[in-house]
Amino acid sequence: MEGFLNTVKEETVRKDCFEIMKIMKQVTKEEPKMWGSSIVGFGSYHYKGKSGREGDWMLTGFSPRKQNLTLYLMGGFDTHKDLLKRLGKFTTSVGCLYIKKLEDVDKKVLKELISESVKRMKLLST
């Protein structure tokens, strides 16, 4: 994991990645592992779609992208509007939270958001 994160060129982003990894490890109580070549993930769950397609995916994770840090929060955001109001500067798409820098968000709120997302995914996957 450290090897992959140390390839991140921009120092601020690299430090943010190590801090996000620490937060996610605390929340999930799981060791990080690579999902593909650019996603650091924690935990896993088994899914089966309506089409019959099934597989395993991480409970949560992140990836340093060119434009931003992408955090994968599989539980979605609809039930966390109160947390999002307090989070800070970010954008979202279906299961992704995008931040430019970790200092742009409230880390306590981010930790709570990750925790709630992981809890939801564990409930949905049992």
N, C-alpha and C. Protein backbone atom coordinates (compact mmCIF):
# COMPACT_ATOMS: atom_id res chain seq x y z
N MET A 1 0.82 -1.19 0.00
CA MET A 1 0.00 0.00 0.00
C MET A 1 0.86 1.25 0.00
N GLU A 2 1.83 1.24 0.92
CA GLU A 2 2.71 2.40 1.02
C GLU A 2 3.43 2.64 -0.30
N GLY A 3 3.83 1.55 -0.96
CA GLY A 3 4.52 1.68 -2.24
C GLY A 3 3.67 2.42 -3.26
N PHE A 4 2.40 2.04 -3.37
CA PHE A 4 1.49 2.72 -4.29
C PHE A 4 1.32 4.18 -3.90
N LEU A 5 1.05 4.44 -2.63
CA LEU A 5 0.81 5.82 -2.19
C LEU A 5 2.05 6.69 -2.34
N ASN A 6 3.22 6.10 -2.19
CA ASN A 6 4.45 6.88 -2.36
C ASN A 6 4.71 7.27 -3.81
N THR A 7 3.97 6.70 -4.75
CA THR A 7 4.11 7.11 -6.16
C THR A 7 3.33 8.39 -6.46
N VAL A 8 2.48 8.82 -5.51
CA VAL A 8 1.72 10.06 -5.70
C VAL A 8 2.71 11.21 -5.66
N LYS A 9 2.77 11.97 -6.75
CA LYS A 9 3.80 12.99 -6.91
C LYS A 9 3.62 14.19 -5.98
N GLU A 10 2.41 14.71 -5.89
CA GLU A 10 2.18 15.91 -5.09
C GLU A 10 2.20 15.56 -3.59
N GLU A 11 3.09 16.22 -2.86
CA GLU A 11 3.30 15.89 -1.45
C GLU A 11 2.03 16.03 -0.60
N THR A 12 1.28 17.11 -0.81
CA THR A 12 0.06 17.33 -0.02
C THR A 12 -0.93 16.19 -0.25
N VAL A 13 -1.11 15.80 -1.48
CA VAL A 13 -2.04 14.71 -1.82
C VAL A 13 -1.55 13.40 -1.21
N ARG A 14 -0.25 13.17 -1.29
CA ARG A 14 0.33 11.94 -0.73
C ARG A 14 0.08 11.88 0.78
N LYS A 15 0.33 12.98 1.48
CA LYS A 15 0.09 13.03 2.93
C LYS A 15 -1.39 12.82 3.24
N ASP A 16 -2.25 13.44 2.44
CA ASP A 16 -3.69 13.27 2.63
C ASP A 16 -4.09 11.80 2.46
N CYS A 17 -3.49 11.14 1.49
CA CYS A 17 -3.79 9.71 1.26
C CYS A 17 -3.43 8.87 2.47
N PHE A 18 -2.26 9.12 3.03
CA PHE A 18 -1.85 8.36 4.21
C PHE A 18 -2.79 8.63 5.39
N GLU A 19 -3.25 9.86 5.51
CA GLU A 19 -4.18 10.19 6.60
C GLU A 19 -5.55 9.54 6.37
N ILE A 20 -6.03 9.57 5.13
CA ILE A 20 -7.31 8.91 4.81
C ILE A 20 -7.19 7.41 5.07
N MET A 21 -6.06 6.83 4.70
CA MET A 21 -5.85 5.41 4.94
C MET A 21 -5.92 5.10 6.44
N LYS A 22 -5.32 5.95 7.24
CA LYS A 22 -5.35 5.77 8.70
C LYS A 22 -6.79 5.86 9.23
N ILE A 23 -7.55 6.85 8.75
CA ILE A 23 -8.94 7.03 9.17
C ILE A 23 -9.77 5.80 8.80
N MET A 24 -9.65 5.36 7.56
CA MET A 24 -10.45 4.22 7.09
C MET A 24 -10.07 2.93 7.83
N LYS A 25 -8.81 2.79 8.14
CA LYS A 25 -8.36 1.61 8.90
C LYS A 25 -8.97 1.63 10.30
N GLN A 26 -9.00 2.81 10.93
CA GLN A 26 -9.61 2.94 12.26
C GLN A 26 -11.09 2.62 12.22
N VAL A 27 -11.78 3.17 11.24
CA VAL A 27 -13.23 3.00 11.14
C VAL A 27 -13.61 1.56 10.84
N THR A 28 -12.94 0.96 9.87
CA THR A 28 -13.33 -0.39 9.42
C THR A 28 -12.70 -1.51 10.25
N LYS A 29 -11.61 -1.18 10.93
CA LYS A 29 -10.82 -2.20 11.64
C LYS A 29 -10.35 -3.29 10.67
N GLU A 30 -10.10 -2.88 9.45
CA GLU A 30 -9.62 -3.78 8.38
C GLU A 30 -8.29 -3.25 7.87
N GLU A 31 -7.48 -4.14 7.36
CA GLU A 31 -6.23 -3.75 6.71
C GLU A 31 -6.54 -3.30 5.29
N PRO A 32 -5.80 -2.30 4.79
CA PRO A 32 -6.02 -1.86 3.41
C PRO A 32 -5.51 -2.88 2.42
N LYS A 33 -6.16 -2.93 1.26
CA LYS A 33 -5.64 -3.77 0.17
C LYS A 33 -5.96 -3.07 -1.15
N MET A 34 -5.17 -3.39 -2.15
CA MET A 34 -5.38 -2.79 -3.46
C MET A 34 -6.54 -3.48 -4.17
N TRP A 35 -7.42 -2.67 -4.73
CA TRP A 35 -8.51 -3.15 -5.59
C TRP A 35 -8.17 -2.59 -6.97
N GLY A 36 -7.62 -3.43 -7.81
CA GLY A 36 -7.13 -2.95 -9.09
C GLY A 36 -5.80 -2.25 -8.89
N SER A 37 -5.47 -1.36 -9.80
CA SER A 37 -4.15 -0.73 -9.75
C SER A 37 -4.12 0.63 -9.07
N SER A 38 -5.31 1.20 -8.72
CA SER A 38 -5.28 2.56 -8.18
C SER A 38 -6.27 2.84 -7.06
N ILE A 39 -6.90 1.79 -6.51
CA ILE A 39 -7.86 2.00 -5.43
C ILE A 39 -7.40 1.26 -4.18
N VAL A 40 -7.34 1.98 -3.07
CA VAL A 40 -7.03 1.39 -1.78
C VAL A 40 -8.36 1.12 -1.09
N GLY A 41 -8.64 -0.14 -0.80
CA GLY A 41 -9.94 -0.50 -0.24
C GLY A 41 -9.83 -1.18 1.11
N PHE A 42 -10.96 -1.19 1.82
CA PHE A 42 -11.03 -1.75 3.17
C PHE A 42 -12.26 -2.63 3.28
N GLY A 43 -12.07 -3.84 3.80
CA GLY A 43 -13.18 -4.76 3.96
C GLY A 43 -13.73 -5.19 2.61
N SER A 44 -14.78 -6.00 2.66
CA SER A 44 -15.42 -6.42 1.40
C SER A 44 -16.84 -6.89 1.69
N TYR A 45 -17.61 -6.93 0.64
CA TYR A 45 -18.96 -7.48 0.70
C TYR A 45 -19.25 -8.16 -0.62
N HIS A 46 -20.20 -9.07 -0.60
CA HIS A 46 -20.61 -9.78 -1.81
C HIS A 46 -21.90 -9.16 -2.31
N TYR A 47 -21.96 -8.89 -3.61
CA TYR A 47 -23.18 -8.32 -4.17
C TYR A 47 -23.73 -9.22 -5.27
N LYS A 48 -25.02 -9.10 -5.47
CA LYS A 48 -25.67 -9.79 -6.58
C LYS A 48 -26.69 -8.82 -7.16
N GLY A 49 -26.50 -8.44 -8.42
CA GLY A 49 -27.40 -7.50 -9.07
C GLY A 49 -28.64 -8.17 -9.62
N LYS A 50 -29.59 -7.35 -10.03
CA LYS A 50 -30.85 -7.86 -10.59
C LYS A 50 -30.61 -8.67 -11.86
N SER A 51 -29.54 -8.34 -12.57
CA SER A 51 -29.22 -9.05 -13.81
C SER A 51 -28.62 -10.43 -13.54
N GLY A 52 -28.33 -10.70 -12.26
CA GLY A 52 -27.70 -11.98 -11.92
C GLY A 52 -26.20 -11.87 -11.75
N ARG A 53 -25.65 -10.74 -12.18
CA ARG A 53 -24.21 -10.53 -12.03
C ARG A 53 -23.88 -10.40 -10.55
N GLU A 54 -22.80 -11.04 -10.14
CA GLU A 54 -22.41 -10.94 -8.74
C GLU A 54 -20.90 -10.87 -8.62
N GLY A 55 -20.46 -10.42 -7.46
CA GLY A 55 -19.03 -10.30 -7.22
C GLY A 55 -18.76 -9.77 -5.83
N ASP A 56 -17.51 -9.44 -5.59
CA ASP A 56 -17.09 -8.88 -4.31
C ASP A 56 -16.54 -7.49 -4.55
N TRP A 57 -16.76 -6.61 -3.59
CA TRP A 57 -16.28 -5.25 -3.68
C TRP A 57 -15.94 -4.76 -2.29
N MET A 58 -15.19 -3.70 -2.20
CA MET A 58 -14.77 -3.16 -0.91
C MET A 58 -15.93 -2.46 -0.21
N LEU A 59 -15.85 -2.41 1.12
CA LEU A 59 -16.84 -1.66 1.90
C LEU A 59 -16.64 -0.17 1.72
N THR A 60 -15.39 0.25 1.69
CA THR A 60 -15.04 1.65 1.48
C THR A 60 -13.61 1.70 0.96
N GLY A 61 -13.24 2.82 0.41
CA GLY A 61 -11.89 2.96 -0.11
C GLY A 61 -11.67 4.34 -0.67
N PHE A 62 -10.49 4.53 -1.26
CA PHE A 62 -10.16 5.83 -1.84
C PHE A 62 -9.14 5.66 -2.94
N SER A 63 -9.03 6.71 -3.74
CA SER A 63 -8.05 6.71 -4.81
C SER A 63 -7.59 8.14 -5.09
N PRO A 64 -6.28 8.34 -5.19
CA PRO A 64 -5.78 9.66 -5.59
C PRO A 64 -5.91 9.80 -7.10
N ARG A 65 -6.76 10.68 -7.54
CA ARG A 65 -6.96 10.93 -8.97
C ARG A 65 -6.32 12.27 -9.34
N LYS A 66 -6.20 12.54 -10.62
CA LYS A 66 -5.58 13.80 -11.05
C LYS A 66 -6.32 15.02 -10.53
N GLN A 67 -7.63 15.01 -10.63
CA GLN A 67 -8.43 16.18 -10.26
C GLN A 67 -8.69 16.29 -8.76
N ASN A 68 -8.76 15.14 -8.06
CA ASN A 68 -9.16 15.17 -6.66
C ASN A 68 -8.89 13.82 -6.00
N LEU A 69 -9.17 13.78 -4.71
CA LEU A 69 -9.16 12.51 -3.98
C LEU A 69 -10.56 11.96 -4.05
N THR A 70 -10.69 10.73 -4.48
CA THR A 70 -12.00 10.09 -4.59
C THR A 70 -12.15 9.11 -3.44
N LEU A 71 -13.20 9.31 -2.65
CA LEU A 71 -13.53 8.38 -1.57
C LEU A 71 -14.76 7.61 -1.99
N TYR A 72 -14.68 6.30 -1.88
CA TYR A 72 -15.78 5.43 -2.29
C TYR A 72 -16.62 5.09 -1.06
N LEU A 73 -17.80 5.67 -1.00
CA LEU A 73 -18.72 5.46 0.11
C LEU A 73 -19.95 4.78 -0.46
N MET A 74 -19.94 3.47 -0.43
CA MET A 74 -20.94 2.66 -1.12
C MET A 74 -22.36 2.83 -0.60
N GLY A 75 -22.49 3.26 0.63
CA GLY A 75 -23.83 3.40 1.22
C GLY A 75 -24.64 4.54 0.66
N GLY A 76 -24.04 5.37 -0.19
CA GLY A 76 -24.75 6.50 -0.76
C GLY A 76 -24.79 7.68 0.20
N PHE A 77 -25.47 8.75 -0.22
CA PHE A 77 -25.45 9.99 0.55
C PHE A 77 -26.83 10.46 0.99
N ASP A 78 -27.89 9.85 0.46
CA ASP A 78 -29.25 10.30 0.76
C ASP A 78 -29.56 10.34 2.25
N THR A 79 -29.07 9.39 2.98
CA THR A 79 -29.39 9.32 4.41
C THR A 79 -28.40 10.10 5.28
N HIS A 80 -27.48 10.80 4.65
CA HIS A 80 -26.44 11.51 5.41
C HIS A 80 -26.40 13.01 5.11
N LYS A 81 -27.52 13.59 4.77
CA LYS A 81 -27.55 15.01 4.40
C LYS A 81 -27.07 15.91 5.53
N ASP A 82 -27.39 15.53 6.79
CA ASP A 82 -26.96 16.33 7.93
C ASP A 82 -25.43 16.35 8.05
N LEU A 83 -24.80 15.22 7.81
CA LEU A 83 -23.34 15.15 7.85
C LEU A 83 -22.72 15.94 6.70
N LEU A 84 -23.31 15.82 5.52
CA LEU A 84 -22.78 16.53 4.35
C LEU A 84 -22.82 18.04 4.55
N LYS A 85 -23.85 18.54 5.23
CA LYS A 85 -23.96 19.98 5.49
C LYS A 85 -22.79 20.48 6.33
N ARG A 86 -22.25 19.61 7.17
CA ARG A 86 -21.17 20.00 8.09
C ARG A 86 -19.79 19.61 7.57
N LEU A 87 -19.74 18.90 6.45
CA LEU A 87 -18.48 18.33 5.99
C LEU A 87 -17.47 19.36 5.49
N GLY A 88 -17.91 20.31 4.71
CA GLY A 88 -16.98 21.28 4.12
C GLY A 88 -17.10 21.30 2.62
N LYS A 89 -15.96 21.43 1.94
CA LYS A 89 -15.91 21.59 0.49
C LYS A 89 -15.74 20.23 -0.20
N PHE A 90 -16.72 19.84 -1.04
CA PHE A 90 -16.68 18.54 -1.69
C PHE A 90 -17.70 18.52 -2.82
N THR A 91 -17.64 17.49 -3.63
CA THR A 91 -18.70 17.18 -4.59
C THR A 91 -18.96 15.67 -4.48
N THR A 92 -20.10 15.24 -5.02
CA THR A 92 -20.42 13.81 -4.97
C THR A 92 -20.95 13.33 -6.32
N SER A 93 -20.88 12.04 -6.51
CA SER A 93 -21.63 11.34 -7.55
C SER A 93 -22.19 10.11 -6.85
N VAL A 94 -22.73 9.17 -7.56
CA VAL A 94 -23.49 8.06 -6.96
C VAL A 94 -22.87 7.53 -5.66
N GLY A 95 -21.71 6.96 -5.69
CA GLY A 95 -21.09 6.41 -4.48
C GLY A 95 -19.73 7.01 -4.20
N CYS A 96 -19.46 8.19 -4.78
CA CYS A 96 -18.15 8.80 -4.65
C CYS A 96 -18.23 10.18 -4.02
N LEU A 97 -17.28 10.44 -3.14
CA LEU A 97 -17.12 11.75 -2.53
C LEU A 97 -15.79 12.29 -3.05
N TYR A 98 -15.82 13.47 -3.63
CA TYR A 98 -14.61 14.06 -4.21
C TYR A 98 -14.17 15.25 -3.38
N ILE A 99 -12.91 15.25 -2.97
CA ILE A 99 -12.35 16.39 -2.26
C ILE A 99 -11.01 16.76 -2.90
N LYS A 100 -10.70 18.04 -2.87
CA LYS A 100 -9.41 18.49 -3.42
C LYS A 100 -8.29 18.23 -2.42
N LYS A 101 -8.54 18.66 -1.15
CA LYS A 101 -7.54 18.50 -0.09
C LYS A 101 -8.28 18.11 1.18
N LEU A 102 -7.62 17.33 2.00
CA LEU A 102 -8.23 16.90 3.26
C LEU A 102 -8.54 18.09 4.16
N GLU A 103 -7.74 19.14 4.06
CA GLU A 103 -7.98 20.32 4.90
C GLU A 103 -9.27 21.05 4.51
N ASP A 104 -9.84 20.72 3.36
CA ASP A 104 -11.11 21.34 2.93
C ASP A 104 -12.32 20.78 3.65
N VAL A 105 -12.14 19.67 4.38
CA VAL A 105 -13.27 19.03 5.05
C VAL A 105 -12.99 18.86 6.54
N ASP A 106 -14.06 18.74 7.30
CA ASP A 106 -13.97 18.47 8.74
C ASP A 106 -13.69 16.97 8.91
N LYS A 107 -12.52 16.64 9.44
CA LYS A 107 -12.11 15.23 9.53
C LYS A 107 -13.00 14.41 10.46
N LYS A 108 -13.50 15.02 11.51
CA LYS A 108 -14.41 14.29 12.41
C LYS A 108 -15.68 13.91 11.68
N VAL A 109 -16.21 14.84 10.91
CA VAL A 109 -17.43 14.58 10.13
C VAL A 109 -17.15 13.54 9.05
N LEU A 110 -16.00 13.64 8.40
CA LEU A 110 -15.61 12.66 7.38
C LEU A 110 -15.55 11.26 7.99
N LYS A 111 -14.94 11.15 9.15
CA LYS A 111 -14.84 9.85 9.84
C LYS A 111 -16.23 9.30 10.14
N GLU A 112 -17.13 10.16 10.58
CA GLU A 112 -18.50 9.74 10.88
C GLU A 112 -19.22 9.29 9.61
N LEU A 113 -19.01 10.02 8.52
CA LEU A 113 -19.63 9.68 7.24
C LEU A 113 -19.13 8.31 6.74
N ILE A 114 -17.84 8.08 6.84
CA ILE A 114 -17.27 6.79 6.44
C ILE A 114 -17.86 5.68 7.32
N SER A 115 -17.92 5.92 8.61
CA SER A 115 -18.46 4.93 9.54
C SER A 115 -19.91 4.59 9.22
N GLU A 116 -20.73 5.59 8.97
CA GLU A 116 -22.14 5.36 8.64
C GLU A 116 -22.29 4.59 7.33
N SER A 117 -21.45 4.93 6.35
CA SER A 117 -21.49 4.24 5.06
C SER A 117 -21.13 2.76 5.23
N VAL A 118 -20.09 2.48 6.01
CA VAL A 118 -19.66 1.10 6.23
C VAL A 118 -20.75 0.32 6.97
N LYS A 119 -21.34 0.93 7.99
CA LYS A 119 -22.43 0.26 8.73
C LYS A 119 -23.57 -0.10 7.79
N ARG A 120 -23.93 0.85 6.94
CA ARG A 120 -25.04 0.62 6.01
C ARG A 120 -24.73 -0.53 5.05
N MET A 121 -23.50 -0.55 4.53
CA MET A 121 -23.12 -1.61 3.59
C MET A 121 -23.11 -2.98 4.28
N LYS A 122 -22.67 -3.01 5.52
CA LYS A 122 -22.67 -4.29 6.26
C LYS A 122 -24.10 -4.78 6.45
N LEU A 123 -25.03 -3.87 6.74
CA LEU A 123 -26.44 -4.24 6.90
C LEU A 123 -27.03 -4.74 5.59
N LEU A 124 -26.73 -4.03 4.50
CA LEU A 124 -27.29 -4.38 3.20
C LEU A 124 -26.73 -5.70 2.66
N SER A 125 -25.54 -6.05 3.08
CA SER A 125 -24.90 -7.24 2.51
C SER A 125 -25.09 -8.50 3.36
N THR A 126 -25.87 -8.40 4.43
CA THR A 126 -26.08 -9.60 5.26
C THR A 126 -27.39 -10.27 4.91
